[in-house]
Amino acid sequence: MELAAEYAKLESMLDKLSQGHIHVAVLGRVGVGKSSLLNALLGTSTFAVSPLHGETRETEIAGWRELGDGGVYFIDTPGLDEVDGESRETLARDAATRADLVLFVVDADLTAGELEVLQSVASRHTPVLLVLNKADRYTDGEREALLGSIRQRAAPHVREEDIVLAAADPAPERVLRVDAEGNEREELRPREPRVDAVRDRLWMILDAEGKSLAALNASVFAGDLSDEIAARLIETRRTLGEKVIRTYSVAKGVAVALNPVPVADLFAVAMIDVSLVIHLSRIYGLPLGRAEAGSLIGTIATQMVALMGTVWAVHVLSSALKLGTGGLSVAVTAGAQGAVAYYSTYVVGRVAQQYLAQGMAWGPDGPKAVVRSILDGIDRETLLGQAGDEIRARLRGKA
């Protein structure tokens, strides 16, 4: 089943909720120091880091602290902008959608791509702690200017108090040492990570809102899953309905072509249309009886005549007469009548499909507007031509 993976994710989230666990996912471009930040918060080298970009290729998880009856878990994700890394970016975004809180890490001003991702995360009402990492690389003035710009651009999505500084893997400090003889020697001395602001703010949020965040996230995910199921069901019904409509249209076209009837009676093969509407109603889970289907067809036909009137009658007559003269074969003449029958059933099917898709309702403007919309959306000449070709091909096959 296509949605099996999504159901598994939902089950996992509900299990996490029952155990009281909180998931915090880190998100950001390649090289901003996501793994280094998590390691600094953990106080261990749990997540792999490398001077080469793109070290993290899969989502990884590690426990941080206990919270109530459960625990807080960090989830490391691949970078959002890896070259040829679309699948890994998908992993990162997917992890973020299931996280209860997101650490969004940057090392400079927000790019357009980062803003897009930030907006996407915030639109799900997932709390975001925005971290300007590698803050030690900037002077005091540069940091203040950078923070001002980030706050302004992120304002619609992140609270000002949730934008903090960090230096997860600060550059080593240059130290000048002088020995007993007065000789000077420069050394590089490692510096401790500075992530206190991230740790304090993160814990403050989780301690105050952790349980409600997990419940909200599970609820949002379940709602999204429900919407996705509904969307796929609508698309499946639409696709299946289109195939059924064309099948019945061909059936009616061939029936009329094999047993040509007067032009005025081209809509007389009514039972095919009735069967079509009944079939469509079952696809949409709103089964109709023959009487109800016939009544619906009558409403549609009335609106078709009202909208097309004499123009439609003249078109039908001219098609039949033109193809019925000049020594052309009976098959060609029959094909013309069959094509018009095909067209009428196709329109009936499309209108009935929309009526059923709307929950057996015409909408505020009534059936005439629906029929007009369907007619306006059909290239009549092209459809008639295709119908004639298909019907004549079927007739030759039967011959």
Protein backbone atom coordinates (compact mmCIF):
# COMPACT_ATOMS: atom_id res chain seq x y z
CA MET A 1 0.00 0.00 0.00
CA GLU A 2 1.31 3.46 -0.97
CA LEU A 3 0.58 4.96 2.46
CA ALA A 4 2.08 2.09 4.48
CA ALA A 5 5.22 4.13 5.24
CA GLU A 6 3.16 7.09 6.45
CA TYR A 7 1.05 4.85 8.69
CA ALA A 8 4.25 3.37 10.13
CA LYS A 9 5.52 6.89 10.88
CA LEU A 10 2.26 7.78 12.59
CA GLU A 11 2.39 4.60 14.67
CA SER A 12 5.97 5.44 15.63
CA MET A 13 4.96 8.96 16.65
CA LEU A 14 2.07 7.71 18.77
CA ASP A 15 4.39 5.20 20.40
CA LYS A 16 6.87 8.02 21.11
CA LEU A 17 4.03 10.07 22.58
CA SER A 18 2.92 7.22 24.88
CA GLN A 19 6.50 6.85 26.14
CA GLY A 20 6.84 10.57 26.75
CA HIS A 21 9.78 11.06 24.38
CA ILE A 22 10.57 14.40 22.71
CA HIS A 23 12.43 14.56 19.40
CA VAL A 24 14.55 17.58 18.47
CA ALA A 25 15.77 17.60 14.86
CA VAL A 26 18.65 19.75 13.65
CA LEU A 27 18.23 21.30 10.21
CA GLY A 28 20.48 23.44 8.06
CA ARG A 29 22.73 23.73 5.05
CA VAL A 30 25.83 21.63 4.56
CA GLY A 31 28.79 22.81 6.63
CA VAL A 32 26.97 25.04 9.13
CA GLY A 33 28.02 22.76 12.00
CA LYS A 34 24.84 20.82 12.78
CA SER A 35 26.60 17.68 14.00
CA SER A 36 29.17 19.73 15.92
CA LEU A 37 26.39 21.61 17.69
CA LEU A 38 24.66 18.40 18.78
CA ASN A 39 27.96 16.92 19.96
CA ALA A 40 28.66 20.06 21.98
CA LEU A 41 25.22 19.85 23.59
CA LEU A 42 25.73 16.16 24.33
CA GLY A 43 29.28 16.63 25.55
CA THR A 44 30.38 13.63 23.47
CA SER A 45 31.46 12.95 19.87
CA THR A 46 28.29 10.99 19.12
CA PHE A 47 27.63 12.34 15.65
CA ALA A 48 30.24 12.11 12.93
CA VAL A 49 31.90 15.34 11.85
CA SER A 50 34.38 15.96 9.06
CA PRO A 51 36.19 18.88 7.41
CA LEU A 52 34.56 17.63 4.22
CA HIS A 53 31.01 18.79 3.59
CA GLY A 54 28.17 16.29 3.66
CA GLU A 55 29.45 13.89 6.33
CA THR A 56 25.91 13.16 7.54
CA ARG A 57 24.16 11.01 4.94
CA GLU A 58 21.38 9.46 7.01
CA THR A 59 19.30 10.66 9.93
CA GLU A 60 20.84 9.60 13.25
CA ILE A 61 19.42 9.77 16.76
CA ALA A 62 20.91 10.05 20.26
CA GLY A 63 19.46 10.62 23.73
CA TRP A 64 20.22 13.90 25.51
CA ARG A 65 18.37 14.26 28.80
CA GLU A 66 15.45 12.80 30.71
CA LEU A 67 12.27 14.82 30.75
CA GLY A 68 9.42 13.63 32.95
CA ASP A 69 8.78 9.95 32.30
CA GLY A 70 10.55 10.04 28.92
CA GLY A 71 13.59 11.59 27.38
CA VAL A 72 14.78 14.19 24.88
CA TYR A 73 16.41 12.82 21.73
CA PHE A 74 18.50 14.69 19.17
CA ILE A 75 18.12 13.80 15.49
CA ASP A 76 20.97 14.73 13.14
CA THR A 77 20.02 15.18 9.48
CA PRO A 78 21.82 15.58 6.12
CA GLY A 79 22.43 19.06 4.73
CA LEU A 80 19.72 20.84 2.80
CA ASP A 81 21.86 21.87 -0.16
CA GLU A 82 24.17 18.95 -0.96
CA VAL A 83 25.19 18.55 -4.58
CA ASP A 84 23.17 15.66 -6.03
CA GLY A 85 21.76 15.17 -2.56
CA GLU A 86 18.02 15.44 -3.24
CA SER A 87 17.23 12.16 -1.50
CA ARG A 88 19.20 13.21 1.59
CA GLU A 89 17.46 16.58 1.66
CA THR A 90 14.16 14.71 1.56
CA LEU A 91 15.32 12.71 4.58
CA ALA A 92 16.14 15.93 6.41
CA ARG A 93 12.80 17.57 5.65
CA ASP A 94 10.95 14.39 6.57
CA ALA A 95 12.72 14.22 9.93
CA ALA A 96 11.81 17.86 10.56
CA THR A 97 8.12 17.22 9.89
CA ARG A 98 8.08 14.53 12.57
CA ALA A 99 10.18 16.41 15.14
CA ASP A 100 8.60 18.14 18.12
CA LEU A 101 11.11 21.02 17.89
CA VAL A 102 13.65 22.04 15.25
CA LEU A 103 17.12 23.47 15.80
CA PHE A 104 17.61 25.49 12.62
CA VAL A 105 21.33 26.19 12.26
CA VAL A 106 22.90 28.91 10.09
CA ASP A 107 26.40 30.37 9.99
CA ALA A 108 25.61 33.63 8.18
CA ASP A 109 22.61 35.68 7.13
CA LEU A 110 19.59 33.72 5.98
CA THR A 111 19.58 32.72 2.31
CA ALA A 112 16.43 32.53 0.19
CA GLY A 113 16.58 28.74 0.37
CA GLU A 114 16.89 28.76 4.15
CA LEU A 115 13.97 31.15 4.45
CA GLU A 116 11.84 28.83 2.31
CA VAL A 117 12.63 25.83 4.52
CA LEU A 118 12.13 27.88 7.69
CA GLN A 119 8.73 29.00 6.48
CA SER A 120 7.79 25.40 5.62
CA VAL A 121 8.72 24.19 9.12
CA ALA A 122 6.95 27.08 10.84
CA SER A 123 3.79 26.55 8.76
CA ARG A 124 3.36 23.23 10.56
CA HIS A 125 3.43 25.11 13.89
CA THR A 126 6.65 23.30 14.83
CA PRO A 127 8.66 25.45 17.28
CA VAL A 128 12.01 26.59 15.89
CA LEU A 129 15.14 27.55 17.79
CA LEU A 130 17.27 29.46 15.28
CA VAL A 131 20.98 29.15 16.01
CA LEU A 132 23.66 31.40 14.51
CA ASN A 133 26.61 29.03 14.79
CA LYS A 134 30.29 29.92 14.30
CA ALA A 135 29.61 33.23 16.01
CA ASP A 136 33.29 33.39 17.05
CA ARG A 137 34.22 34.17 13.46
CA TYR A 138 32.63 37.62 13.67
CA THR A 139 33.56 40.77 15.55
CA ASP A 140 31.13 42.16 18.10
CA GLY A 141 29.87 44.72 15.59
CA GLU A 142 29.48 42.16 12.85
CA ARG A 143 27.56 39.81 15.16
CA GLU A 144 25.11 42.53 16.19
CA ALA A 145 24.50 43.56 12.58
CA LEU A 146 24.06 39.94 11.52
CA LEU A 147 21.67 39.18 14.37
CA GLY A 148 19.64 42.26 13.49
CA SER A 149 19.25 41.14 9.89
CA ILE A 150 18.39 37.54 10.87
CA ARG A 151 15.81 38.72 13.41
CA GLN A 152 14.16 40.96 10.86
CA ARG A 153 13.98 38.32 8.13
CA ALA A 154 12.96 35.47 10.44
CA ALA A 155 10.44 37.53 12.40
CA PRO A 156 7.32 36.00 10.77
CA HIS A 157 8.46 32.49 11.69
CA VAL A 158 10.65 32.64 14.83
CA ARG A 159 10.31 34.57 18.09
CA GLU A 160 13.18 36.97 18.81
CA GLU A 161 14.04 35.18 22.07
CA ASP A 162 14.40 31.94 20.07
CA ILE A 163 17.31 33.29 18.00
CA VAL A 164 20.57 32.53 19.79
CA LEU A 165 24.33 32.46 19.23
CA ALA A 166 26.68 29.48 19.40
CA ALA A 167 30.23 28.46 18.64
CA ALA A 168 30.01 24.67 18.59
CA ASP A 169 33.53 24.15 17.27
CA PRO A 170 35.35 27.45 17.79
CA ALA A 171 38.58 28.21 16.00
CA PRO A 172 41.64 27.57 18.20
CA GLU A 173 43.09 30.51 20.09
CA ARG A 174 46.54 31.78 19.12
CA VAL A 175 48.79 31.99 22.18
CA LEU A 176 52.28 33.50 22.32
CA ARG A 177 54.58 31.61 24.70
CA VAL A 178 57.97 32.85 25.91
CA ASP A 179 60.50 30.33 27.24
CA ALA A 180 63.19 30.92 29.92
CA GLU A 181 65.65 32.27 27.35
CA GLY A 182 63.12 34.80 26.11
CA ASN A 183 62.34 32.97 22.87
CA GLU A 184 58.80 33.46 21.60
CA ARG A 185 56.69 30.66 20.16
CA GLU A 186 53.16 30.86 18.82
CA GLU A 187 50.80 28.01 19.67
CA LEU A 188 47.19 27.17 18.82
CA ARG A 189 45.15 26.35 21.91
CA PRO A 190 41.76 24.64 21.53
CA ARG A 191 38.79 26.50 22.90
CA GLU A 192 35.74 25.02 24.58
CA PRO A 193 32.45 25.02 22.66
CA ARG A 194 30.15 27.87 23.58
CA VAL A 195 26.58 26.55 23.39
CA ASP A 196 25.18 27.70 26.74
CA ALA A 197 22.63 30.01 25.12
CA VAL A 198 21.32 27.15 22.96
CA ARG A 199 21.24 24.69 25.87
CA ASP A 200 19.47 27.09 28.22
CA ARG A 201 16.84 28.25 25.77
CA LEU A 202 16.20 24.72 24.46
CA TRP A 203 15.72 23.34 27.95
CA MET A 204 13.48 26.26 28.91
CA ILE A 205 11.17 25.54 25.96
CA LEU A 206 11.11 21.79 26.52
CA ASP A 207 10.60 22.03 30.26
CA ALA A 208 7.66 24.39 29.81
CA GLU A 209 6.05 23.00 26.66
CA GLY A 210 7.63 19.64 25.86
CA LYS A 211 4.64 17.37 26.45
CA SER A 212 2.17 19.64 24.67
CA LEU A 213 4.58 20.01 21.74
CA ALA A 214 4.73 16.24 21.28
CA ALA A 215 0.94 15.93 21.41
CA LEU A 216 0.47 18.82 18.98
CA ASN A 217 3.00 17.39 16.55
CA ALA A 218 1.33 13.96 16.55
CA SER A 219 -2.03 15.66 15.97
CA VAL A 220 -0.69 17.76 13.07
CA PHE A 221 0.98 14.75 11.49
CA ALA A 222 -2.22 12.71 11.76
CA GLY A 223 -4.16 15.58 10.18
CA ASP A 224 -1.66 15.85 7.33
CA LEU A 225 -1.87 12.10 6.79
CA SER A 226 -5.65 12.32 6.66
CA ASP A 227 -5.43 15.12 4.09
CA GLU A 228 -2.96 13.10 2.02
CA ILE A 229 -5.21 10.05 2.07
CA ALA A 230 -8.15 12.20 0.99
CA ALA A 231 -6.13 13.79 -1.82
CA ARG A 232 -4.94 10.41 -3.11
CA LEU A 233 -8.47 9.02 -2.92
CA ILE A 234 -9.79 11.97 -4.91
CA GLU A 235 -7.09 11.51 -7.56
CA THR A 236 -7.68 7.75 -7.73
CA ARG A 237 -11.41 8.27 -8.16
CA ARG A 238 -10.83 10.94 -10.79
CA THR A 239 -8.46 8.72 -12.80
CA LEU A 240 -10.68 5.65 -12.52
CA GLY A 241 -13.74 7.73 -13.36
CA GLU A 242 -12.07 9.09 -16.50
CA LYS A 243 -11.29 5.55 -17.69
CA VAL A 244 -14.87 4.41 -17.02
CA ILE A 245 -16.30 7.42 -18.87
CA ARG A 246 -14.21 6.72 -21.95
CA THR A 247 -15.09 3.01 -21.83
CA TYR A 248 -18.83 3.74 -21.80
CA SER A 249 -18.42 6.48 -24.43
CA VAL A 250 -16.76 4.02 -26.79
CA ALA A 251 -19.43 1.42 -26.02
CA LYS A 252 -22.22 3.85 -26.90
CA GLY A 253 -20.40 5.11 -29.98
CA VAL A 254 -19.89 1.58 -31.31
CA ALA A 255 -23.50 0.63 -30.49
CA VAL A 256 -24.84 3.58 -32.47
CA ALA A 257 -22.39 2.97 -35.31
CA LEU A 258 -23.38 -0.69 -35.62
CA ASN A 259 -27.06 0.17 -35.58
CA PRO A 260 -27.28 3.72 -36.99
CA VAL A 261 -30.29 5.71 -35.81
CA PRO A 262 -31.74 9.00 -37.01
CA VAL A 263 -29.75 12.04 -35.99
CA ALA A 264 -32.54 13.29 -33.75
CA ASP A 265 -32.37 10.04 -31.77
CA LEU A 266 -28.63 9.97 -31.05
CA PHE A 267 -29.32 10.26 -27.31
CA ALA A 268 -31.77 7.35 -27.44
CA VAL A 269 -29.30 4.70 -26.27
CA ALA A 270 -30.11 5.83 -22.76
CA MET A 271 -29.34 2.67 -20.84
CA ILE A 272 -25.60 3.04 -21.52
CA ASP A 273 -25.64 6.49 -19.96
CA VAL A 274 -27.64 5.21 -16.99
CA SER A 275 -25.17 2.37 -16.44
CA LEU A 276 -22.30 4.85 -16.69
CA VAL A 277 -23.75 7.12 -14.00
CA ILE A 278 -24.48 4.16 -11.71
CA HIS A 279 -20.89 2.93 -12.17
CA LEU A 280 -19.49 6.39 -11.39
CA SER A 281 -21.69 6.72 -8.30
CA ARG A 282 -20.22 3.50 -6.91
CA ILE A 283 -16.67 4.73 -7.54
CA TYR A 284 -17.46 7.85 -5.50
CA GLY A 285 -19.13 5.87 -2.72
CA LEU A 286 -22.55 7.45 -3.39
CA PRO A 287 -24.48 4.63 -5.10
CA LEU A 288 -27.49 5.67 -7.17
CA GLY A 289 -30.41 3.60 -8.38
CA ARG A 290 -31.60 3.56 -12.01
CA ALA A 291 -34.34 6.09 -11.36
CA GLU A 292 -31.92 8.49 -9.64
CA ALA A 293 -29.35 8.04 -12.40
CA GLY A 294 -32.00 8.67 -15.05
CA SER A 295 -33.13 11.83 -13.27
CA LEU A 296 -29.53 13.09 -13.11
CA ILE A 297 -29.04 12.41 -16.82
CA GLY A 298 -32.28 14.27 -17.58
CA THR A 299 -31.00 17.33 -15.70
CA ILE A 300 -27.69 17.21 -17.56
CA ALA A 301 -29.33 16.72 -20.97
CA THR A 302 -31.70 19.64 -20.34
CA GLN A 303 -28.79 21.95 -19.59
CA MET A 304 -26.83 20.69 -22.63
CA VAL A 305 -29.74 21.48 -24.93
CA ALA A 306 -30.25 24.86 -23.27
CA LEU A 307 -26.58 25.75 -23.70
CA MET A 308 -25.90 24.29 -27.14
CA GLY A 309 -29.35 24.41 -28.72
CA THR A 310 -29.49 24.90 -32.46
CA VAL A 311 -25.72 25.10 -32.78
CA TRP A 312 -25.39 21.53 -31.50
CA ALA A 313 -28.23 20.25 -33.73
CA VAL A 314 -26.72 21.85 -36.83
CA HIS A 315 -23.28 20.49 -35.95
CA VAL A 316 -24.65 16.96 -35.56
CA LEU A 317 -26.62 17.15 -38.80
CA SER A 318 -23.76 18.58 -40.83
CA SER A 319 -21.35 15.95 -39.51
CA ALA A 320 -23.64 13.12 -40.41
CA LEU A 321 -24.61 14.50 -43.85
CA LYS A 322 -21.06 15.45 -44.84
CA LEU A 323 -19.68 12.06 -44.00
CA GLY A 324 -22.67 10.32 -45.53
CA THR A 325 -22.22 11.66 -49.06
CA GLY A 326 -19.66 11.51 -51.77
CA GLY A 327 -19.67 7.74 -52.09
CA LEU A 328 -18.14 7.21 -48.67
CA SER A 329 -18.63 3.83 -47.01
CA VAL A 330 -21.39 3.05 -44.56
CA ALA A 331 -18.69 2.55 -41.92
CA VAL A 332 -17.62 6.17 -42.26
CA THR A 333 -21.20 7.43 -42.01
CA ALA A 334 -21.85 5.19 -39.02
CA GLY A 335 -18.58 6.38 -37.50
CA ALA A 336 -19.80 9.98 -37.65
CA GLN A 337 -23.03 9.16 -35.83
CA GLY A 338 -21.11 7.02 -33.36
CA ALA A 339 -18.68 9.87 -32.66
CA VAL A 340 -21.53 12.20 -31.76
CA ALA A 341 -23.00 9.52 -29.47
CA TYR A 342 -19.56 9.10 -27.90
CA TYR A 343 -19.38 12.86 -27.31
CA SER A 344 -22.78 13.06 -25.64
CA THR A 345 -21.96 10.22 -23.23
CA TYR A 346 -18.55 11.70 -22.49
CA VAL A 347 -20.14 15.02 -21.49
CA VAL A 348 -22.79 13.29 -19.39
CA GLY A 349 -20.07 11.28 -17.64
CA ARG A 350 -17.84 14.30 -16.94
CA VAL A 351 -20.73 16.34 -15.54
CA ALA A 352 -21.98 13.44 -13.41
CA GLN A 353 -18.43 12.89 -12.16
CA GLN A 354 -18.14 16.50 -10.96
CA TYR A 355 -21.60 16.34 -9.36
CA LEU A 356 -20.60 13.21 -7.43
CA ALA A 357 -17.15 14.57 -6.53
CA GLN A 358 -18.90 17.56 -4.93
CA GLY A 359 -20.94 15.22 -2.71
CA MET A 360 -23.98 15.06 -5.00
CA ALA A 361 -24.23 18.84 -5.13
CA TRP A 362 -24.21 21.25 -8.06
CA GLY A 363 -22.64 24.10 -6.17
CA PRO A 364 -23.92 27.65 -5.67
CA ASP A 365 -24.45 28.36 -9.38
CA GLY A 366 -26.47 25.24 -10.17
CA PRO A 367 -26.26 22.53 -12.86
CA LYS A 368 -26.11 24.96 -15.78
CA ALA A 369 -22.80 26.39 -14.55
CA VAL A 370 -21.33 22.91 -14.10
CA VAL A 371 -22.39 21.80 -17.57
CA ARG A 372 -21.08 25.02 -19.09
CA SER A 373 -17.73 24.56 -17.33
CA ILE A 374 -17.38 21.00 -18.66
CA LEU A 375 -18.37 22.00 -22.20
CA ASP A 376 -15.98 24.95 -22.18
CA GLY A 377 -13.15 22.67 -21.07
CA ILE A 378 -13.59 20.19 -23.92
CA ASP A 379 -12.03 20.63 -27.35
CA ARG A 380 -15.10 19.39 -29.19
CA GLU A 381 -13.57 19.05 -32.64
CA THR A 382 -10.57 17.13 -31.34
CA LEU A 383 -12.70 14.84 -29.16
CA LEU A 384 -15.11 14.10 -32.04
CA GLY A 385 -12.18 13.33 -34.33
CA GLN A 386 -10.59 10.99 -31.80
CA ALA A 387 -13.93 9.33 -31.14
CA GLY A 388 -14.54 8.76 -34.85
CA ASP A 389 -11.10 7.25 -35.35
CA GLU A 390 -11.48 4.92 -32.36
CA ILE A 391 -14.98 3.82 -33.35
CA ARG A 392 -14.00 3.13 -36.96
CA ALA A 393 -11.02 1.14 -35.70
CA ARG A 394 -13.38 -0.93 -33.53
CA LEU A 395 -15.75 -1.43 -36.46
CA ARG A 396 -12.91 -2.65 -38.69
CA GLY A 397 -11.87 -5.01 -35.92
CA LYS A 398 -15.36 -6.44 -35.71
CA ALA A 399 -15.50 -6.73 -39.49
